[in-house]
């Protein structure tokens, strides 16, 4: 089946590396990250009318002008999203005020961020997995020095491909982070009940 809407989003020679759809906002906005440190938002309604890649907004020079490896809208705050880059940093953005990120983890993973997942039951928590195959857990309500609350090296046996959250018990009090890798292995880390 052919796509219902398609458009050229970048100038020739620039590639999309990451994409996320705004599920909570009705699924009409997409954020795309490029291999040259650009994030832009496209609105599906504008794309359907114009058939061109009209950006609702654009940020340049993100992640030191390097690869924007992953993007993820916040599950509960519709104007927040996270970006993870080849530079190892994670930025939290407010799409209403894009001059600078609202929070930053400057060295989340030294060799680059491979994936991110917001916790749906505790929306201040963000899990990241790095090219270094390590899992990190961040509390964005904490100040910079206390933001990192968990680190698990070597959770993935191969190159990490995806990360997500689930709930491991009946009462939903012990969230579990799952990481899938290029070797076909899914690793799980269950957080303590007190979490």
C-alpha atoms as a PDB file:
ATOM      1  CA  UNK A   1       0.000   0.000   0.000  1.00  0.00           C
ATOM      2  CA  UNK A   2       1.307   3.442  -0.958  1.00  0.00           C
ATOM      3  CA  UNK A   3       1.820   6.031   1.807  1.00  0.00           C
ATOM      4  CA  UNK A   4      -1.083   8.436   2.250  1.00  0.00           C
ATOM      5  CA  UNK A   5       1.208  11.470   2.521  1.00  0.00           C
ATOM      6  CA  UNK A   6       4.832  11.872   1.558  1.00  0.00           C
ATOM      7  CA  UNK A   7       7.094  14.880   1.276  1.00  0.00           C
ATOM      8  CA  UNK A   8      10.735  15.840   0.956  1.00  0.00           C
ATOM      9  CA  UNK A   9      11.796  16.980   4.437  1.00  0.00           C
ATOM     10  CA  UNK A  10      15.501  17.785   4.093  1.00  0.00           C
ATOM     11  CA  UNK A  11      17.715  19.368   1.463  1.00  0.00           C
ATOM     12  CA  UNK A  12      19.566  16.956  -0.794  1.00  0.00           C
ATOM     13  CA  UNK A  13      22.309  15.012   0.957  1.00  0.00           C
ATOM     14  CA  UNK A  14      20.926  15.195   4.507  1.00  0.00           C
ATOM     15  CA  UNK A  15      19.382  12.071   6.012  1.00  0.00           C
ATOM     16  CA  UNK A  16      16.758  11.471   8.686  1.00  0.00           C
ATOM     17  CA  UNK A  17      18.209   9.420  11.505  1.00  0.00           C
ATOM     18  CA  UNK A  18      15.365   9.479  14.048  1.00  0.00           C
ATOM     19  CA  UNK A  19      11.633  10.151  14.144  1.00  0.00           C
ATOM     20  CA  UNK A  20       8.875  10.302  16.758  1.00  0.00           C
ATOM     21  CA  UNK A  21       5.118  10.849  16.403  1.00  0.00           C
ATOM     22  CA  UNK A  22       3.140  12.940  18.891  1.00  0.00           C
ATOM     23  CA  UNK A  23       0.705  10.213  20.025  1.00  0.00           C
ATOM     24  CA  UNK A  24      -0.904  12.224  22.821  1.00  0.00           C
ATOM     25  CA  UNK A  25      -1.465  15.268  20.608  1.00  0.00           C
ATOM     26  CA  UNK A  26      -3.594  13.382  18.107  1.00  0.00           C
ATOM     27  CA  UNK A  27      -0.740  11.944  16.075  1.00  0.00           C
ATOM     28  CA  UNK A  28      -0.463  14.881  13.692  1.00  0.00           C
ATOM     29  CA  UNK A  29       3.023  16.148  14.543  1.00  0.00           C
ATOM     30  CA  UNK A  30       6.309  14.397  13.801  1.00  0.00           C
ATOM     31  CA  UNK A  31       9.770  15.351  14.972  1.00  0.00           C
ATOM     32  CA  UNK A  32      12.692  14.303  12.818  1.00  0.00           C
ATOM     33  CA  UNK A  33      16.380  14.355  13.646  1.00  0.00           C
ATOM     34  CA  UNK A  34      19.110  14.573  11.053  1.00  0.00           C
ATOM     35  CA  UNK A  35      22.695  13.408  10.805  1.00  0.00           C
ATOM     36  CA  UNK A  36      23.835  17.034  11.002  1.00  0.00           C
ATOM     37  CA  UNK A  37      22.324  18.207  14.305  1.00  0.00           C
ATOM     38  CA  UNK A  38      18.942  19.482  13.101  1.00  0.00           C
ATOM     39  CA  UNK A  39      15.571  18.681  14.663  1.00  0.00           C
ATOM     40  CA  UNK A  40      12.402  19.774  12.919  1.00  0.00           C
ATOM     41  CA  UNK A  41       8.712  19.304  13.538  1.00  0.00           C
ATOM     42  CA  UNK A  42       6.338  18.581  10.687  1.00  0.00           C
ATOM     43  CA  UNK A  43       2.575  18.835  10.979  1.00  0.00           C
ATOM     44  CA  UNK A  44       0.718  16.175   8.985  1.00  0.00           C
ATOM     45  CA  UNK A  45      -2.155  18.552   8.245  1.00  0.00           C
ATOM     46  CA  UNK A  46       0.228  21.058   6.627  1.00  0.00           C
ATOM     47  CA  UNK A  47       1.953  18.253   4.706  1.00  0.00           C
ATOM     48  CA  UNK A  48      -1.372  17.042   3.304  1.00  0.00           C
ATOM     49  CA  UNK A  49      -2.187  20.542   2.051  1.00  0.00           C
ATOM     50  CA  UNK A  50       1.214  21.588   0.723  1.00  0.00           C
ATOM     51  CA  UNK A  51       2.857  18.255  -0.257  1.00  0.00           C
ATOM     52  CA  UNK A  52       6.196  19.745   0.810  1.00  0.00           C
ATOM     53  CA  UNK A  53       8.227  19.470   3.976  1.00  0.00           C
ATOM     54  CA  UNK A  54       6.979  22.615   5.696  1.00  0.00           C
ATOM     55  CA  UNK A  55       8.501  22.705   9.174  1.00  0.00           C
ATOM     56  CA  UNK A  56       6.325  23.921  12.046  1.00  0.00           C
ATOM     57  CA  UNK A  57       9.626  24.673  13.791  1.00  0.00           C
ATOM     58  CA  UNK A  58      13.291  23.791  13.473  1.00  0.00           C
ATOM     59  CA  UNK A  59      16.295  23.679  15.841  1.00  0.00           C
ATOM     60  CA  UNK A  60      19.816  23.687  14.401  1.00  0.00           C
ATOM     61  CA  UNK A  61      23.192  22.910  15.960  1.00  0.00           C
ATOM     62  CA  UNK A  62      21.745  20.308  18.331  1.00  0.00           C
ATOM     63  CA  UNK A  63      24.135  17.730  19.813  1.00  0.00           C
ATOM     64  CA  UNK A  64      27.155  19.666  18.631  1.00  0.00           C
ATOM     65  CA  UNK A  65      25.943  19.558  15.043  1.00  0.00           C
ATOM     66  CA  UNK A  66      26.320  15.773  15.026  1.00  0.00           C
ATOM     67  CA  UNK A  67      23.910  12.884  14.643  1.00  0.00           C
ATOM     68  CA  UNK A  68      20.550  13.129  16.443  1.00  0.00           C
ATOM     69  CA  UNK A  69      20.262   9.406  17.204  1.00  0.00           C
ATOM     70  CA  UNK A  70      16.864   9.313  18.925  1.00  0.00           C
ATOM     71  CA  UNK A  71      13.824  11.479  19.599  1.00  0.00           C
ATOM     72  CA  UNK A  72      10.861  10.807  21.847  1.00  0.00           C
ATOM     73  CA  UNK A  73       7.754  12.830  22.727  1.00  0.00           C
ATOM     74  CA  UNK A  74       6.836  12.804  26.413  1.00  0.00           C
ATOM     75  CA  UNK A  75       3.833  10.500  27.082  1.00  0.00           C
ATOM     76  CA  UNK A  76       1.995  12.990  29.336  1.00  0.00           C
ATOM     77  CA  UNK A  77       3.353  16.474  28.640  1.00  0.00           C
ATOM     78  CA  UNK A  78       2.420  17.007  24.992  1.00  0.00           C
ATOM     79  CA  UNK A  79       4.891  19.843  24.344  1.00  0.00           C
ATOM     80  CA  UNK A  80       7.954  18.066  25.828  1.00  0.00           C
ATOM     81  CA  UNK A  81      10.296  15.758  23.968  1.00  0.00           C
ATOM     82  CA  UNK A  82      13.749  14.281  24.496  1.00  0.00           C
ATOM     83  CA  UNK A  83      16.645  14.053  22.072  1.00  0.00           C
ATOM     84  CA  UNK A  84      19.681  11.806  22.366  1.00  0.00           C
ATOM     85  CA  UNK A  85      22.782  12.275  20.265  1.00  0.00           C
ATOM     86  CA  UNK A  86      26.014  10.803  19.030  1.00  0.00           C
ATOM     87  CA  UNK A  87      27.717  13.257  21.415  1.00  0.00           C
ATOM     88  CA  UNK A  88      26.372  11.224  24.374  1.00  0.00           C
ATOM     89  CA  UNK A  89      24.033  13.956  25.607  1.00  0.00           C
ATOM     90  CA  UNK A  90      20.294  13.887  26.293  1.00  0.00           C
ATOM     91  CA  UNK A  91      18.278  17.103  26.053  1.00  0.00           C
ATOM     92  CA  UNK A  92      14.702  17.677  27.203  1.00  0.00           C
ATOM     93  CA  UNK A  93      12.923  20.279  25.077  1.00  0.00           C
ATOM     94  CA  UNK A  94       9.738  22.311  25.386  1.00  0.00           C
ATOM     95  CA  UNK A  95       8.393  22.757  21.847  1.00  0.00           C
ATOM     96  CA  UNK A  96       6.847  26.113  22.833  1.00  0.00           C
ATOM     97  CA  UNK A  97      10.251  27.607  23.802  1.00  0.00           C
ATOM     98  CA  UNK A  98      13.070  26.214  21.697  1.00  0.00           C
ATOM     99  CA  UNK A  99      15.918  28.630  22.393  1.00  0.00           C
ATOM    100  CA  UNK A 100      17.495  26.147  24.784  1.00  0.00           C
ATOM    101  CA  UNK A 101      16.639  22.808  26.323  1.00  0.00           C
ATOM    102  CA  UNK A 102      14.797  22.786  29.658  1.00  0.00           C
ATOM    103  CA  UNK A 103      17.051  20.024  31.011  1.00  0.00           C
ATOM    104  CA  UNK A 104      20.261  18.406  29.889  1.00  0.00           C
ATOM    105  CA  UNK A 105      22.266  15.323  30.762  1.00  0.00           C
ATOM    106  CA  UNK A 106      25.572  16.306  29.213  1.00  0.00           C
ATOM    107  CA  UNK A 107      27.236  12.885  29.230  1.00  0.00           C
ATOM    108  CA  UNK A 108      24.505  10.280  29.512  1.00  0.00           C
ATOM    109  CA  UNK A 109      26.555   7.771  27.494  1.00  0.00           C
ATOM    110  CA  UNK A 110      30.141   8.608  26.465  1.00  0.00           C
ATOM    111  CA  UNK A 111      29.953   6.770  23.137  1.00  0.00           C
ATOM    112  CA  UNK A 112      26.484   7.986  22.131  1.00  0.00           C
ATOM    113  CA  UNK A 113      22.835   7.474  23.055  1.00  0.00           C
ATOM    114  CA  UNK A 114      21.228   4.508  21.255  1.00  0.00           C
ATOM    115  CA  UNK A 115      17.678   4.671  22.637  1.00  0.00           C
ATOM    116  CA  UNK A 116      15.359   6.293  25.194  1.00  0.00           C
ATOM    117  CA  UNK A 117      12.061   5.440  26.869  1.00  0.00           C
ATOM    118  CA  UNK A 118       9.847   7.482  29.187  1.00  0.00           C
ATOM    119  CA  UNK A 119       8.257   5.599  32.091  1.00  0.00           C
ATOM    120  CA  UNK A 120       4.466   5.846  31.645  1.00  0.00           C
ATOM    121  CA  UNK A 121       3.684   5.337  35.339  1.00  0.00           C
ATOM    122  CA  UNK A 122       6.378   7.734  36.647  1.00  0.00           C
ATOM    123  CA  UNK A 123       6.669  10.364  33.941  1.00  0.00           C
ATOM    124  CA  UNK A 124       9.686  12.095  35.489  1.00  0.00           C
ATOM    125  CA  UNK A 125      11.810   8.996  34.809  1.00  0.00           C
ATOM    126  CA  UNK A 126      13.666   8.496  31.549  1.00  0.00           C
ATOM    127  CA  UNK A 127      15.634   5.349  30.740  1.00  0.00           C
ATOM    128  CA  UNK A 128      18.437   5.500  28.197  1.00  0.00           C
ATOM    129  CA  UNK A 129      20.629   2.876  26.603  1.00  0.00           C
ATOM    130  CA  UNK A 130      23.947   3.749  25.046  1.00  0.00           C
ATOM    131  CA  UNK A 131      26.123   2.535  22.243  1.00  0.00           C
ATOM    132  CA  UNK A 132      28.268   1.369  25.195  1.00  0.00           C
ATOM    133  CA  UNK A 133      25.469  -1.204  25.935  1.00  0.00           C
ATOM    134  CA  UNK A 134      24.828   0.368  29.355  1.00  0.00           C
ATOM    135  CA  UNK A 135      21.405   1.237  30.766  1.00  0.00           C
ATOM    136  CA  UNK A 136      20.937   4.465  32.712  1.00  0.00           C
ATOM    137  CA  UNK A 137      17.920   5.737  34.632  1.00  0.00           C
ATOM    138  CA  UNK A 138      17.343   9.458  35.146  1.00  0.00           C
ATOM    139  CA  UNK A 139      14.991  11.428  37.402  1.00  0.00           C
ATOM    140  CA  UNK A 140      14.336  14.729  35.647  1.00  0.00           C
ATOM    141  CA  UNK A 141      12.802  16.310  38.753  1.00  0.00           C
ATOM    142  CA  UNK A 142      16.209  16.222  40.444  1.00  0.00           C
ATOM    143  CA  UNK A 143      18.906  18.815  39.959  1.00  0.00           C
ATOM    144  CA  UNK A 144      21.889  18.023  37.755  1.00  0.00           C
ATOM    145  CA  UNK A 145      24.075  16.416  40.426  1.00  0.00           C
ATOM    146  CA  UNK A 146      21.340  13.970  41.591  1.00  0.00           C
ATOM    147  CA  UNK A 147      19.634  13.295  38.271  1.00  0.00           C
ATOM    148  CA  UNK A 148      21.282   9.904  37.574  1.00  0.00           C
ATOM    149  CA  UNK A 149      19.597   7.328  39.822  1.00  0.00           C
ATOM    150  CA  UNK A 150      20.582   4.033  38.209  1.00  0.00           C
ATOM    151  CA  UNK A 151      23.292   2.578  36.002  1.00  0.00           C
ATOM    152  CA  UNK A 152      23.624  -0.970  34.691  1.00  0.00           C
ATOM    153  CA  UNK A 153      26.640  -1.640  32.468  1.00  0.00           C
ATOM    154  CA  UNK A 154      26.461  -4.350  29.828  1.00  0.00           C
ATOM    155  CA  UNK A 155      22.684  -4.888  29.828  1.00  0.00           C
ATOM    156  CA  UNK A 156      22.831  -5.555  26.082  1.00  0.00           C
ATOM    157  CA  UNK A 157      25.102  -8.251  24.669  1.00  0.00           C
ATOM    158  CA  UNK A 158      25.140  -6.645  21.215  1.00  0.00           C
ATOM    159  CA  UNK A 159      24.357  -3.272  19.662  1.00  0.00           C
ATOM    160  CA  UNK A 160      21.179  -1.924  21.385  1.00  0.00           C
ATOM    161  CA  UNK A 161      18.240  -1.528  18.995  1.00  0.00           C
ATOM    162  CA  UNK A 162      15.368  -0.572  21.258  1.00  0.00           C
ATOM    163  CA  UNK A 163      14.292   0.136  24.813  1.00  0.00           C
ATOM    164  CA  UNK A 164      10.892   0.120  26.509  1.00  0.00           C
ATOM    165  CA  UNK A 165       9.059  -0.125  29.825  1.00  0.00           C
ATOM    166  CA  UNK A 166       6.564  -2.674  31.089  1.00  0.00           C
ATOM    167  CA  UNK A 167       5.103  -3.580  34.484  1.00  0.00           C
ATOM    168  CA  UNK A 168       6.336  -6.772  36.118  1.00  0.00           C
ATOM    169  CA  UNK A 169       3.668  -7.523  38.734  1.00  0.00           C
ATOM    170  CA  UNK A 170      -0.092  -7.475  39.204  1.00  0.00           C
ATOM    171  CA  UNK A 171      -0.351  -4.236  41.166  1.00  0.00           C
ATOM    172  CA  UNK A 172       1.814  -2.310  38.674  1.00  0.00           C
ATOM    173  CA  UNK A 173       4.327  -1.114  41.233  1.00  0.00           C
ATOM    174  CA  UNK A 174       7.546  -2.605  39.816  1.00  0.00           C
ATOM    175  CA  UNK A 175       8.312  -1.187  36.381  1.00  0.00           C
ATOM    176  CA  UNK A 176      10.669  -3.211  34.201  1.00  0.00           C
ATOM    177  CA  UNK A 177      12.957  -1.817  31.509  1.00  0.00           C
ATOM    178  CA  UNK A 178      13.574  -4.040  28.480  1.00  0.00           C
ATOM    179  CA  UNK A 179      16.424  -3.626  25.993  1.00  0.00           C
ATOM    180  CA  UNK A 180      16.608  -5.491  22.683  1.00  0.00           C
ATOM    181  CA  UNK A 181      19.888  -5.877  20.835  1.00  0.00           C
ATOM    182  CA  UNK A 182      21.246  -6.828  17.420  1.00  0.00           C
ATOM    183  CA  UNK A 183      22.051 -10.374  18.609  1.00  0.00           C
ATOM    184  CA  UNK A 184      18.346 -11.041  19.157  1.00  0.00           C
ATOM    185  CA  UNK A 185      18.567 -10.872  22.954  1.00  0.00           C
ATOM    186  CA  UNK A 186      16.056  -9.018  25.128  1.00  0.00           C
ATOM    187  CA  UNK A 187      17.409  -8.106  28.560  1.00  0.00           C
ATOM    188  CA  UNK A 188      15.188  -7.019  31.451  1.00  0.00           C
ATOM    189  CA  UNK A 189      15.900  -4.953  34.556  1.00  0.00           C
ATOM    190  CA  UNK A 190      13.109  -4.781  37.168  1.00  0.00           C
ATOM    191  CA  UNK A 191      13.133  -1.792  39.460  1.00  0.00           C
ATOM    192  CA  UNK A 192      12.557  -2.263  43.196  1.00  0.00           C
ATOM    193  CA  UNK A 193       9.054  -2.138  44.671  1.00  0.00           C
ATOM    194  CA  UNK A 194       9.896   1.136  46.441  1.00  0.00           C
ATOM    195  CA  UNK A 195      10.389   2.828  43.101  1.00  0.00           C
END
